[in-house]
C-alpha cells in the first residue's frame, strides 16, 4: 500500500521544527493520552476514526501517544507515511504530540532508533531520542510555558520504561530465568514478575534536569 506525505517531509531523516507549548490566559492546558495503537499491516481502520472522535470531544492542547505504536515497516519513509495516515486527525488539526515506547515496540523489525526517526519527521511531533549515555530511547522532557512569560510552568516527562528485566541479565550479572529470590526491584509498570522499570541513570537524568528547570 502506498502512502503519501506532504512534499516538505518526503525525505527520510528530516527533523521538523518543534512547536512551543504554553498555558492559555485562563491557566488551562489540556493533555490527551492515548496508547496501544498496535498499528501494523492489519491495523483496525476504526483506530483513526476513534482518535478523531476523542480529539473532537476533548479538544486537547497536546497529545501523548504512550507506547505500543508498533510500526511494521522497515523503511523510515514508508513507516512515516503509514503512521501519518493513522494519526491524520492530529496532523490535520496541527496539535502538538509526543510518543514514548512500550514493550511491543521492541518486537517489530524496525529498531527503536529508526522508529524515533519516523516520529521526529512528522509535523507537530515533539519526541526525541534523548541522551545516548542513559538507558532507553525516548527519554526527553517538554516544558509548558507560563501564559505570562517564557518561564516553564509545567513539564511533561517522557521516559522509556524498557521491557523485561531479563533484557539486562548480563549487565546485572543475574540468571536469564528469574525467580523472586534472585533480585530486589522497585514496583514496575509491567505485568508479572519479570517487568522492567526505569533504571537508575534515567532517574538521575530526570532529577538533574528537574532541578535545573526549577532553578531557572
N, C-alpha and C. Protein backbone atom coordinates (compact mmCIF):
# COMPACT_ATOMS: atom_id res chain seq x y z
N UNK A 1 0.85 -1.19 0.00
CA UNK A 1 0.00 0.00 0.00
C UNK A 1 0.89 1.24 0.00
N UNK A 2 0.54 2.22 -0.82
CA UNK A 2 1.33 3.45 -0.90
C UNK A 2 0.69 4.56 -0.08
N UNK A 3 1.51 5.26 0.68
CA UNK A 3 1.05 6.39 1.48
C UNK A 3 1.83 7.61 1.03
N UNK A 4 1.19 8.75 1.04
CA UNK A 4 1.84 9.97 0.57
C UNK A 4 1.86 11.01 1.68
N UNK A 5 3.04 11.60 1.86
CA UNK A 5 3.22 12.69 2.81
C UNK A 5 3.28 14.01 2.07
N UNK A 6 3.01 15.14 2.75
CA UNK A 6 3.25 16.43 2.12
C UNK A 6 4.69 16.51 1.63
N UNK A 7 4.90 17.24 0.54
CA UNK A 7 6.22 17.31 -0.08
C UNK A 7 7.32 17.75 0.85
N UNK A 8 7.00 18.60 1.82
CA UNK A 8 8.02 19.15 2.71
C UNK A 8 8.62 18.09 3.63
N UNK A 9 7.97 16.93 3.77
CA UNK A 9 8.52 15.92 4.66
C UNK A 9 8.67 14.57 3.96
N UNK A 10 8.91 14.60 2.64
CA UNK A 10 9.09 13.35 1.92
C UNK A 10 10.43 12.70 2.24
N UNK A 11 11.47 13.49 2.50
CA UNK A 11 12.80 12.92 2.66
C UNK A 11 12.96 12.26 4.02
N UNK A 12 13.66 11.14 4.05
CA UNK A 12 13.93 10.46 5.32
C UNK A 12 14.95 11.26 6.12
N UNK A 13 14.81 11.20 7.43
CA UNK A 13 15.81 11.82 8.29
C UNK A 13 15.55 13.28 8.61
N UNK A 14 14.55 13.90 7.99
CA UNK A 14 14.30 15.31 8.24
C UNK A 14 13.69 15.51 9.62
N UNK A 15 14.12 16.54 10.32
CA UNK A 15 13.59 16.86 11.64
C UNK A 15 12.75 18.12 11.51
N UNK A 16 11.52 18.06 11.98
CA UNK A 16 10.62 19.21 11.89
C UNK A 16 10.87 20.16 13.07
N UNK A 17 10.63 21.43 12.84
CA UNK A 17 10.75 22.41 13.92
C UNK A 17 9.66 22.14 14.95
N UNK A 18 10.05 22.11 16.21
CA UNK A 18 9.11 21.75 17.27
C UNK A 18 8.34 22.98 17.74
N UNK A 19 7.04 22.83 17.97
CA UNK A 19 6.24 23.95 18.46
C UNK A 19 6.55 24.27 19.92
N UNK A 20 6.11 25.42 20.36
CA UNK A 20 6.24 25.83 21.76
C UNK A 20 4.89 25.64 22.46
N UNK A 21 4.90 24.99 23.61
CA UNK A 21 3.67 24.79 24.37
C UNK A 21 3.55 25.88 25.42
N UNK A 22 2.32 26.38 25.59
CA UNK A 22 2.10 27.48 26.53
C UNK A 22 0.70 27.38 27.12
N UNK A 23 0.57 27.68 28.41
CA UNK A 23 -0.74 27.73 29.05
C UNK A 23 -1.58 28.85 28.45
N UNK A 24 -2.89 28.64 28.42
CA UNK A 24 -3.81 29.68 27.98
C UNK A 24 -3.90 30.77 29.04
N UNK A 25 -4.46 31.90 28.67
CA UNK A 25 -4.59 33.01 29.61
C UNK A 25 -5.45 32.66 30.82
N UNK A 26 -6.35 31.68 30.65
CA UNK A 26 -7.20 31.27 31.78
C UNK A 26 -6.50 30.23 32.67
N UNK A 27 -5.24 29.92 32.37
CA UNK A 27 -4.49 28.98 33.19
C UNK A 27 -4.70 27.52 32.83
N UNK A 28 -5.41 27.24 31.77
CA UNK A 28 -5.71 25.87 31.39
C UNK A 28 -4.74 25.36 30.31
N UNK A 29 -4.48 24.07 30.36
CA UNK A 29 -3.74 23.37 29.31
C UNK A 29 -4.17 21.91 29.37
N UNK A 30 -4.76 21.41 28.30
CA UNK A 30 -5.36 20.07 28.34
C UNK A 30 -4.50 19.07 27.56
N UNK A 31 -4.22 17.93 28.21
CA UNK A 31 -3.43 16.85 27.61
C UNK A 31 -4.31 15.62 27.43
N UNK A 32 -4.29 15.05 26.24
CA UNK A 32 -4.98 13.79 25.96
C UNK A 32 -3.92 12.70 25.81
N UNK A 33 -4.07 11.60 26.54
CA UNK A 33 -3.15 10.48 26.42
C UNK A 33 -3.87 9.29 25.80
N UNK A 34 -3.27 8.73 24.76
CA UNK A 34 -3.79 7.52 24.13
C UNK A 34 -2.62 6.54 24.01
N UNK A 35 -2.92 5.25 23.87
CA UNK A 35 -1.83 4.29 23.79
C UNK A 35 -2.30 3.01 23.11
N UNK A 36 -1.34 2.13 22.87
CA UNK A 36 -1.58 0.78 22.36
C UNK A 36 -2.30 0.78 21.01
N UNK A 37 -1.76 1.55 20.07
CA UNK A 37 -2.33 1.54 18.72
C UNK A 37 -2.15 0.16 18.07
N UNK A 38 -1.01 -0.49 18.33
CA UNK A 38 -0.67 -1.75 17.68
C UNK A 38 -0.89 -1.63 16.17
N UNK A 39 -0.32 -0.58 15.61
CA UNK A 39 -0.54 -0.26 14.21
C UNK A 39 0.43 -1.04 13.33
N UNK A 40 -0.11 -2.05 12.68
CA UNK A 40 0.67 -2.87 11.78
C UNK A 40 -0.10 -3.10 10.49
N UNK A 41 0.28 -4.10 9.73
CA UNK A 41 -0.38 -4.36 8.45
C UNK A 41 -1.88 -4.59 8.58
N UNK A 42 -2.31 -5.14 9.71
CA UNK A 42 -3.74 -5.44 9.91
C UNK A 42 -4.38 -4.48 10.91
N UNK A 43 -3.90 -3.25 10.90
CA UNK A 43 -4.40 -2.26 11.84
C UNK A 43 -5.90 -2.02 11.63
N UNK A 44 -6.64 -1.97 12.72
CA UNK A 44 -8.09 -1.76 12.65
C UNK A 44 -8.39 -0.36 12.10
N UNK A 45 -9.16 -0.24 11.02
CA UNK A 45 -9.46 1.08 10.45
C UNK A 45 -10.25 1.98 11.39
N UNK A 46 -10.83 1.38 12.45
CA UNK A 46 -11.57 2.19 13.42
C UNK A 46 -10.63 3.04 14.28
N UNK A 47 -9.34 2.72 14.26
CA UNK A 47 -8.38 3.45 15.11
C UNK A 47 -8.39 4.94 14.80
N UNK A 48 -8.26 5.30 13.54
CA UNK A 48 -8.21 6.72 13.16
C UNK A 48 -9.55 7.40 13.43
N UNK A 49 -10.64 6.70 13.17
CA UNK A 49 -11.97 7.28 13.44
C UNK A 49 -12.16 7.51 14.93
N UNK A 50 -11.73 6.55 15.75
CA UNK A 50 -11.84 6.71 17.19
C UNK A 50 -10.99 7.85 17.70
N UNK A 51 -9.78 7.97 17.16
CA UNK A 51 -8.90 9.07 17.54
C UNK A 51 -9.53 10.42 17.18
N UNK A 52 -10.16 10.47 16.03
CA UNK A 52 -10.82 11.71 15.60
C UNK A 52 -11.92 12.11 16.58
N UNK A 53 -12.71 11.14 17.02
CA UNK A 53 -13.80 11.42 17.96
C UNK A 53 -13.24 11.87 19.31
N UNK A 54 -12.19 11.20 19.79
CA UNK A 54 -11.58 11.58 21.07
C UNK A 54 -11.09 13.02 21.04
N UNK A 55 -10.42 13.38 19.95
CA UNK A 55 -9.88 14.73 19.85
C UNK A 55 -10.99 15.76 19.77
N UNK A 56 -12.01 15.46 18.99
CA UNK A 56 -13.11 16.40 18.84
C UNK A 56 -13.85 16.59 20.16
N UNK A 57 -13.91 15.54 20.96
CA UNK A 57 -14.62 15.61 22.24
C UNK A 57 -13.82 16.34 23.30
N UNK A 58 -12.51 16.07 23.37
CA UNK A 58 -11.69 16.62 24.45
C UNK A 58 -10.99 17.93 24.10
N UNK A 59 -10.77 18.17 22.81
CA UNK A 59 -10.10 19.39 22.33
C UNK A 59 -8.79 19.66 23.10
N UNK A 60 -7.84 18.73 22.98
CA UNK A 60 -6.60 18.86 23.75
C UNK A 60 -5.63 19.88 23.14
N UNK A 61 -4.73 20.37 23.99
CA UNK A 61 -3.64 21.23 23.53
C UNK A 61 -2.40 20.41 23.17
N UNK A 62 -2.34 19.19 23.69
CA UNK A 62 -1.21 18.30 23.45
C UNK A 62 -1.70 16.87 23.57
N UNK A 63 -1.13 15.96 22.77
CA UNK A 63 -1.49 14.55 22.81
C UNK A 63 -0.24 13.71 23.03
N UNK A 64 -0.29 12.82 24.01
CA UNK A 64 0.81 11.89 24.24
C UNK A 64 0.36 10.50 23.80
N UNK A 65 1.10 9.93 22.85
CA UNK A 65 0.86 8.56 22.39
C UNK A 65 1.79 7.67 23.20
N UNK A 66 1.22 6.95 24.15
CA UNK A 66 2.01 6.40 25.25
C UNK A 66 2.40 4.94 25.09
N UNK A 67 2.94 4.57 23.94
CA UNK A 67 3.52 3.25 23.81
C UNK A 67 2.75 2.27 22.96
N UNK A 68 3.48 1.29 22.45
CA UNK A 68 2.96 0.24 21.58
C UNK A 68 2.34 0.81 20.31
N UNK A 69 3.10 1.72 19.67
CA UNK A 69 2.72 2.17 18.34
C UNK A 69 2.88 1.03 17.34
N UNK A 70 3.96 0.26 17.47
CA UNK A 70 4.18 -0.99 16.73
C UNK A 70 4.19 -0.79 15.21
N UNK A 71 5.20 -0.12 14.71
CA UNK A 71 5.34 0.05 13.27
C UNK A 71 5.91 -1.22 12.65
N UNK A 72 5.27 -1.72 11.61
CA UNK A 72 5.73 -2.96 10.98
C UNK A 72 6.72 -2.70 9.85
N UNK A 73 6.68 -1.51 9.25
CA UNK A 73 7.55 -1.23 8.11
C UNK A 73 9.02 -1.14 8.54
N UNK A 74 9.91 -1.51 7.63
CA UNK A 74 11.33 -1.42 7.92
C UNK A 74 11.99 -0.24 7.22
N UNK A 75 11.26 0.51 6.43
CA UNK A 75 11.77 1.69 5.76
C UNK A 75 11.21 2.93 6.45
N UNK A 76 12.09 3.86 6.80
CA UNK A 76 11.67 5.03 7.59
C UNK A 76 10.63 5.85 6.85
N UNK A 77 10.86 6.13 5.55
CA UNK A 77 9.91 6.95 4.79
C UNK A 77 8.54 6.28 4.71
N UNK A 78 8.53 4.98 4.42
CA UNK A 78 7.26 4.26 4.31
C UNK A 78 6.53 4.24 5.65
N UNK A 79 7.27 3.98 6.73
CA UNK A 79 6.65 3.94 8.05
C UNK A 79 6.12 5.31 8.45
N UNK A 80 6.85 6.36 8.10
CA UNK A 80 6.41 7.71 8.45
C UNK A 80 5.10 8.05 7.74
N UNK A 81 5.02 7.71 6.46
CA UNK A 81 3.79 7.96 5.71
C UNK A 81 2.63 7.15 6.25
N UNK A 82 2.92 5.88 6.58
CA UNK A 82 1.90 4.98 7.11
C UNK A 82 1.35 5.51 8.43
N UNK A 83 2.25 5.87 9.33
CA UNK A 83 1.81 6.34 10.65
C UNK A 83 1.14 7.71 10.56
N UNK A 84 1.59 8.55 9.63
CA UNK A 84 0.97 9.86 9.45
C UNK A 84 -0.49 9.72 9.02
N UNK A 85 -0.78 8.69 8.24
CA UNK A 85 -2.17 8.44 7.86
C UNK A 85 -3.01 8.00 9.05
N UNK A 86 -2.41 7.21 9.94
CA UNK A 86 -3.14 6.74 11.11
C UNK A 86 -3.49 7.90 12.04
N UNK A 87 -2.54 8.81 12.24
CA UNK A 87 -2.77 9.94 13.17
C UNK A 87 -3.19 11.19 12.41
N UNK A 88 -3.81 11.01 11.27
CA UNK A 88 -4.25 12.15 10.45
C UNK A 88 -5.09 13.16 11.23
N UNK A 89 -5.97 12.73 12.15
CA UNK A 89 -6.75 13.73 12.90
C UNK A 89 -5.88 14.67 13.74
N UNK A 90 -4.71 14.18 14.19
CA UNK A 90 -3.80 15.04 14.95
C UNK A 90 -3.11 16.03 14.03
N UNK A 91 -2.60 15.52 12.90
CA UNK A 91 -1.87 16.37 11.96
C UNK A 91 -2.78 17.42 11.35
N UNK A 92 -4.00 17.03 10.99
CA UNK A 92 -4.94 17.96 10.35
C UNK A 92 -5.27 19.14 11.24
N UNK A 93 -5.29 18.90 12.56
CA UNK A 93 -5.63 19.97 13.50
C UNK A 93 -4.39 20.72 14.01
N UNK A 94 -3.21 20.31 13.54
CA UNK A 94 -1.96 20.94 13.98
C UNK A 94 -1.78 20.88 15.49
N UNK A 95 -2.12 19.74 16.09
CA UNK A 95 -1.97 19.57 17.54
C UNK A 95 -0.59 18.99 17.83
N UNK A 96 0.20 19.63 18.68
CA UNK A 96 1.49 19.04 19.07
C UNK A 96 1.28 17.70 19.77
N UNK A 97 2.19 16.78 19.55
CA UNK A 97 2.07 15.48 20.19
C UNK A 97 3.46 14.90 20.46
N UNK A 98 3.49 13.91 21.34
CA UNK A 98 4.73 13.20 21.64
C UNK A 98 4.46 11.71 21.69
N UNK A 99 5.53 10.93 21.67
CA UNK A 99 5.42 9.48 21.73
C UNK A 99 6.43 8.92 22.72
N UNK A 100 6.09 7.81 23.34
CA UNK A 100 7.05 7.02 24.10
C UNK A 100 6.89 5.57 23.66
N UNK A 101 7.86 4.73 24.02
CA UNK A 101 7.83 3.35 23.57
C UNK A 101 7.31 2.42 24.65
N UNK A 102 6.62 1.36 24.20
CA UNK A 102 6.16 0.31 25.09
C UNK A 102 6.92 -0.97 24.81
N UNK A 103 6.51 -2.06 25.47
CA UNK A 103 7.24 -3.31 25.29
C UNK A 103 7.08 -3.87 23.88
N UNK A 104 5.92 -3.71 23.26
CA UNK A 104 5.70 -4.31 21.94
C UNK A 104 6.43 -3.57 20.83
N UNK A 105 6.76 -2.31 21.04
CA UNK A 105 7.51 -1.58 20.01
C UNK A 105 8.87 -2.22 19.77
N UNK A 106 9.38 -2.95 20.75
CA UNK A 106 10.68 -3.62 20.62
C UNK A 106 10.57 -4.94 19.88
N UNK A 107 9.37 -5.39 19.61
CA UNK A 107 9.18 -6.69 18.98
C UNK A 107 9.08 -6.61 17.47
N UNK A 108 9.10 -5.39 16.92
CA UNK A 108 8.99 -5.22 15.47
C UNK A 108 10.38 -5.10 14.86
N UNK A 109 10.50 -5.37 13.55
CA UNK A 109 11.83 -5.41 12.93
C UNK A 109 12.55 -4.07 12.86
N UNK A 110 11.84 -2.98 12.98
CA UNK A 110 12.49 -1.67 12.92
C UNK A 110 13.05 -1.30 14.28
N UNK A 111 14.34 -1.02 14.41
CA UNK A 111 14.93 -0.65 15.71
C UNK A 111 14.27 0.61 16.27
N UNK A 112 14.30 0.75 17.60
CA UNK A 112 13.68 1.91 18.22
C UNK A 112 14.30 3.21 17.72
N UNK A 113 15.60 3.21 17.44
CA UNK A 113 16.24 4.42 16.94
C UNK A 113 15.62 4.86 15.62
N UNK A 114 15.31 3.90 14.75
CA UNK A 114 14.68 4.23 13.47
C UNK A 114 13.21 4.59 13.66
N UNK A 115 12.55 3.93 14.60
CA UNK A 115 11.16 4.30 14.88
C UNK A 115 11.08 5.75 15.35
N UNK A 116 12.06 6.16 16.16
CA UNK A 116 12.06 7.54 16.63
C UNK A 116 12.27 8.51 15.46
N UNK A 117 13.08 8.14 14.48
CA UNK A 117 13.26 8.98 13.30
C UNK A 117 11.94 9.16 12.55
N UNK A 118 11.13 8.11 12.56
CA UNK A 118 9.80 8.20 11.95
C UNK A 118 9.00 9.31 12.60
N UNK A 119 8.95 9.30 13.93
CA UNK A 119 8.13 10.28 14.64
C UNK A 119 8.71 11.69 14.55
N UNK A 120 10.03 11.79 14.64
CA UNK A 120 10.68 13.11 14.61
C UNK A 120 10.41 13.85 13.31
N UNK A 121 10.10 13.12 12.24
CA UNK A 121 9.86 13.75 10.95
C UNK A 121 8.41 14.07 10.66
N UNK A 122 7.52 13.86 11.62
CA UNK A 122 6.11 14.17 11.42
C UNK A 122 5.81 15.55 12.00
N UNK A 123 5.12 16.41 11.25
CA UNK A 123 4.82 17.77 11.74
C UNK A 123 4.12 17.74 13.10
N UNK A 124 4.62 18.56 14.02
CA UNK A 124 4.00 18.68 15.33
C UNK A 124 4.52 17.72 16.36
N UNK A 125 5.34 16.73 15.95
CA UNK A 125 5.85 15.76 16.92
C UNK A 125 6.99 16.36 17.72
N UNK A 126 6.93 16.20 19.04
CA UNK A 126 7.93 16.76 19.93
C UNK A 126 8.81 15.70 20.56
N UNK A 127 8.73 14.47 20.05
CA UNK A 127 9.54 13.38 20.59
C UNK A 127 11.01 13.57 20.24
N UNK A 128 11.87 13.01 21.08
CA UNK A 128 13.31 13.00 20.84
C UNK A 128 13.88 11.66 21.29
N UNK A 129 14.96 11.25 20.66
CA UNK A 129 15.62 10.01 21.07
C UNK A 129 16.17 10.15 22.48
N UNK A 130 16.61 11.34 22.85
CA UNK A 130 17.13 11.58 24.19
C UNK A 130 18.61 11.27 24.30
N UNK A 131 19.17 11.41 25.49
CA UNK A 131 20.61 11.21 25.69
C UNK A 131 21.04 9.78 25.34
N UNK A 132 22.21 9.68 24.71
CA UNK A 132 22.71 8.36 24.32
C UNK A 132 23.46 7.67 25.45
N UNK A 133 23.72 8.38 26.55
CA UNK A 133 24.52 7.80 27.64
C UNK A 133 23.66 7.28 28.79
N UNK A 134 22.33 7.17 28.58
CA UNK A 134 21.48 6.55 29.59
C UNK A 134 20.63 5.48 28.91
N UNK A 135 20.01 4.62 29.69
CA UNK A 135 19.23 3.52 29.12
C UNK A 135 17.95 4.04 28.46
N UNK A 136 17.56 3.35 27.40
CA UNK A 136 16.29 3.63 26.77
C UNK A 136 16.38 4.62 25.62
N UNK A 137 15.35 4.58 24.78
CA UNK A 137 15.20 5.51 23.67
C UNK A 137 13.92 6.31 23.91
N UNK A 138 14.03 7.62 23.87
CA UNK A 138 12.84 8.45 24.09
C UNK A 138 12.74 9.00 25.49
N UNK A 139 13.89 9.28 26.12
CA UNK A 139 13.89 10.00 27.40
C UNK A 139 14.03 11.49 27.07
N UNK A 140 12.98 12.24 27.27
CA UNK A 140 13.02 13.67 26.94
C UNK A 140 11.96 14.39 27.77
N UNK A 141 12.02 15.71 27.78
CA UNK A 141 11.01 16.48 28.50
C UNK A 141 10.58 17.67 27.67
N UNK A 142 9.35 18.09 27.91
CA UNK A 142 8.77 19.20 27.16
C UNK A 142 8.22 20.22 28.14
N UNK A 143 8.84 21.38 28.25
CA UNK A 143 8.30 22.42 29.13
C UNK A 143 7.03 23.03 28.55
N UNK A 144 6.10 23.35 29.42
CA UNK A 144 4.92 24.13 29.04
C UNK A 144 5.09 25.50 29.69
N UNK A 145 5.15 26.53 28.88
CA UNK A 145 5.48 27.85 29.38
C UNK A 145 4.28 28.52 30.02
N UNK A 146 4.57 29.44 30.90
CA UNK A 146 3.53 30.23 31.57
C UNK A 146 2.80 31.10 30.55
N UNK A 147 1.56 31.43 30.85
CA UNK A 147 0.81 32.34 29.98
C UNK A 147 1.30 33.78 30.13
N UNK A 148 2.06 34.04 31.19
CA UNK A 148 2.50 35.42 31.47
C UNK A 148 3.88 35.74 30.90
N UNK A 149 4.75 34.72 30.82
CA UNK A 149 6.11 34.95 30.32
C UNK A 149 6.66 33.64 29.76
N UNK A 150 7.95 33.60 29.51
CA UNK A 150 8.55 32.41 28.90
C UNK A 150 9.17 31.45 29.92
N UNK A 151 8.76 31.57 31.17
CA UNK A 151 9.26 30.64 32.18
C UNK A 151 8.45 29.34 32.13
N UNK A 152 9.11 28.19 32.35
CA UNK A 152 8.37 26.91 32.35
C UNK A 152 7.47 26.81 33.59
N UNK A 153 6.18 26.59 33.36
CA UNK A 153 5.23 26.46 34.47
C UNK A 153 4.90 25.01 34.76
N UNK A 154 5.19 24.15 33.83
CA UNK A 154 4.88 22.72 33.97
C UNK A 154 5.81 21.97 33.02
N UNK A 155 5.96 20.68 33.23
CA UNK A 155 6.86 19.92 32.36
C UNK A 155 6.29 18.53 32.12
N UNK A 156 6.29 18.11 30.87
CA UNK A 156 5.91 16.75 30.50
C UNK A 156 7.20 15.92 30.41
N UNK A 157 7.28 14.84 31.18
CA UNK A 157 8.46 13.99 31.19
C UNK A 157 8.14 12.68 30.47
N UNK A 158 8.93 12.36 29.47
CA UNK A 158 8.80 11.09 28.76
C UNK A 158 10.00 10.23 29.10
N UNK A 159 9.75 9.00 29.55
CA UNK A 159 10.84 8.11 29.93
C UNK A 159 10.55 6.71 29.41
N UNK A 160 11.55 6.09 28.85
CA UNK A 160 11.42 4.73 28.34
C UNK A 160 11.32 3.76 29.52
N UNK A 161 10.22 3.05 29.61
CA UNK A 161 10.04 2.10 30.72
C UNK A 161 10.71 0.77 30.47
N UNK A 162 11.40 0.66 29.32
CA UNK A 162 12.11 -0.56 28.97
C UNK A 162 11.13 -1.73 28.81
N UNK A 163 11.63 -2.96 28.81
CA UNK A 163 10.72 -4.08 28.51
C UNK A 163 10.72 -5.09 29.65
N UNK A 164 11.66 -6.04 29.63
CA UNK A 164 11.72 -7.06 30.66
C UNK A 164 13.05 -6.98 31.39
N UNK A 165 13.04 -7.32 32.65
CA UNK A 165 14.26 -7.20 33.43
C UNK A 165 15.34 -8.17 32.94
N UNK A 166 14.95 -9.33 32.34
CA UNK A 166 16.00 -10.20 31.84
C UNK A 166 16.67 -9.69 30.59
N UNK A 167 16.22 -8.57 30.03
CA UNK A 167 16.97 -7.92 28.97
C UNK A 167 18.33 -7.45 29.49
N UNK A 168 18.43 -7.32 30.82
CA UNK A 168 19.65 -6.79 31.43
C UNK A 168 20.36 -7.85 32.28
N UNK A 169 20.08 -9.13 32.01
CA UNK A 169 20.67 -10.21 32.81
C UNK A 169 22.19 -10.14 32.81
N UNK A 170 22.79 -9.95 31.63
CA UNK A 170 24.24 -9.91 31.54
C UNK A 170 24.79 -8.68 32.27
N UNK A 171 24.13 -7.54 32.09
CA UNK A 171 24.57 -6.31 32.73
C UNK A 171 24.52 -6.43 34.25
N UNK A 172 23.46 -7.04 34.78
CA UNK A 172 23.27 -7.13 36.22
C UNK A 172 23.93 -8.37 36.82
N UNK A 173 24.47 -9.24 35.97
CA UNK A 173 25.12 -10.45 36.47
C UNK A 173 24.15 -11.42 37.10
N UNK A 174 22.96 -11.54 36.53
CA UNK A 174 21.94 -12.44 37.07
C UNK A 174 21.59 -13.50 36.04
N UNK A 175 20.81 -14.49 36.45
CA UNK A 175 20.45 -15.58 35.56
C UNK A 175 19.40 -15.13 34.55
N UNK A 176 19.38 -15.81 33.39
CA UNK A 176 18.40 -15.49 32.35
C UNK A 176 16.98 -15.75 32.84
N UNK A 177 16.80 -16.85 33.60
CA UNK A 177 15.48 -17.16 34.13
C UNK A 177 15.42 -16.66 35.57
N UNK A 178 14.55 -15.68 35.78
CA UNK A 178 14.48 -15.04 37.09
C UNK A 178 13.50 -15.77 38.01
N UNK A 179 13.85 -15.77 39.26
CA UNK A 179 12.93 -16.18 40.31
C UNK A 179 12.90 -15.07 41.34
N UNK A 180 11.89 -15.08 42.17
CA UNK A 180 11.71 -13.99 43.14
C UNK A 180 12.95 -13.77 43.99
N UNK A 181 13.60 -14.84 44.38
CA UNK A 181 14.73 -14.71 45.29
C UNK A 181 15.98 -14.15 44.61
N UNK A 182 15.95 -14.04 43.26
CA UNK A 182 17.14 -13.61 42.52
C UNK A 182 17.39 -12.11 42.61
N UNK A 183 16.40 -11.32 42.89
CA UNK A 183 16.60 -9.89 42.77
C UNK A 183 15.61 -9.12 43.65
N UNK A 184 15.94 -7.90 43.90
CA UNK A 184 15.04 -6.98 44.59
C UNK A 184 14.90 -5.75 43.69
N UNK A 185 13.69 -5.47 43.26
CA UNK A 185 13.45 -4.36 42.35
C UNK A 185 12.30 -3.50 42.86
N UNK A 186 12.25 -2.24 42.44
CA UNK A 186 11.09 -1.42 42.78
C UNK A 186 9.86 -1.91 42.04
N UNK A 187 8.71 -1.45 42.45
CA UNK A 187 7.48 -1.80 41.76
C UNK A 187 7.59 -1.32 40.31
N UNK A 188 7.29 -2.20 39.38
CA UNK A 188 7.45 -1.85 37.97
C UNK A 188 6.09 -1.58 37.33
N UNK A 189 6.15 -1.20 36.04
CA UNK A 189 4.94 -0.80 35.32
C UNK A 189 4.43 -1.88 34.38
N UNK A 190 4.93 -3.06 34.50
CA UNK A 190 4.55 -4.13 33.60
C UNK A 190 3.83 -5.21 34.39
N UNK A 191 3.19 -6.11 33.69
CA UNK A 191 2.51 -7.21 34.35
C UNK A 191 3.51 -8.33 34.66
N UNK A 192 3.19 -9.13 35.66
CA UNK A 192 4.03 -10.26 36.00
C UNK A 192 5.23 -9.85 36.84
N UNK A 193 6.10 -10.82 37.10
CA UNK A 193 7.24 -10.59 37.98
C UNK A 193 8.51 -10.25 37.21
N UNK A 194 8.44 -10.25 35.89
CA UNK A 194 9.63 -10.04 35.08
C UNK A 194 9.65 -8.66 34.43
N UNK A 195 8.72 -7.78 34.79
CA UNK A 195 8.66 -6.47 34.17
C UNK A 195 9.84 -5.60 34.54
N UNK A 196 10.24 -4.76 33.60
CA UNK A 196 11.32 -3.81 33.86
C UNK A 196 10.75 -2.51 34.37
N UNK A 197 11.63 -1.59 34.64
CA UNK A 197 11.23 -0.26 35.07
C UNK A 197 12.30 0.70 34.59
N UNK A 198 12.14 1.98 34.85
CA UNK A 198 13.21 2.91 34.52
C UNK A 198 14.43 2.58 35.38
N UNK A 199 15.61 2.75 34.83
CA UNK A 199 16.84 2.40 35.53
C UNK A 199 17.45 3.64 36.19
N UNK A 200 18.46 3.40 37.02
CA UNK A 200 18.99 4.47 37.87
C UNK A 200 19.48 5.67 37.08
N UNK A 201 20.18 5.43 35.96
CA UNK A 201 20.69 6.58 35.23
C UNK A 201 19.58 7.41 34.60
N UNK A 202 18.43 6.78 34.34
CA UNK A 202 17.28 7.54 33.86
C UNK A 202 16.71 8.41 34.98
N UNK A 203 16.63 7.85 36.17
CA UNK A 203 16.14 8.61 37.33
C UNK A 203 17.07 9.80 37.61
N UNK A 204 18.37 9.56 37.52
CA UNK A 204 19.33 10.63 37.76
C UNK A 204 19.22 11.71 36.70
N UNK A 205 19.01 11.31 35.46
CA UNK A 205 18.78 12.27 34.38
C UNK A 205 17.56 13.14 34.67
N UNK A 206 16.48 12.49 35.10
CA UNK A 206 15.27 13.24 35.45
C UNK A 206 15.55 14.22 36.58
N UNK A 207 16.21 13.75 37.63
CA UNK A 207 16.46 14.60 38.79
C UNK A 207 17.30 15.82 38.42
N UNK A 208 18.38 15.60 37.69
CA UNK A 208 19.26 16.70 37.34
C UNK A 208 18.55 17.76 36.48
N UNK A 209 17.78 17.30 35.53
CA UNK A 209 17.08 18.25 34.66
C UNK A 209 15.93 18.94 35.39
N UNK A 210 15.27 18.21 36.28
CA UNK A 210 14.20 18.81 37.07
C UNK A 210 14.72 19.93 37.96
N UNK A 211 15.85 19.67 38.63
CA UNK A 211 16.46 20.69 39.47
C UNK A 211 16.88 21.91 38.64
N UNK A 212 17.46 21.65 37.47
CA UNK A 212 17.88 22.75 36.60
C UNK A 212 16.69 23.61 36.17
N UNK A 213 15.58 22.97 35.87
CA UNK A 213 14.37 23.73 35.47
C UNK A 213 13.83 24.55 36.63
N UNK A 214 13.83 23.97 37.81
CA UNK A 214 13.31 24.68 38.99
C UNK A 214 14.17 25.89 39.35
N UNK A 215 15.44 25.83 39.01
CA UNK A 215 16.37 26.92 39.35
C UNK A 215 16.44 27.99 38.28
N UNK A 216 15.70 27.82 37.19
CA UNK A 216 15.74 28.83 36.13
C UNK A 216 15.07 30.13 36.57
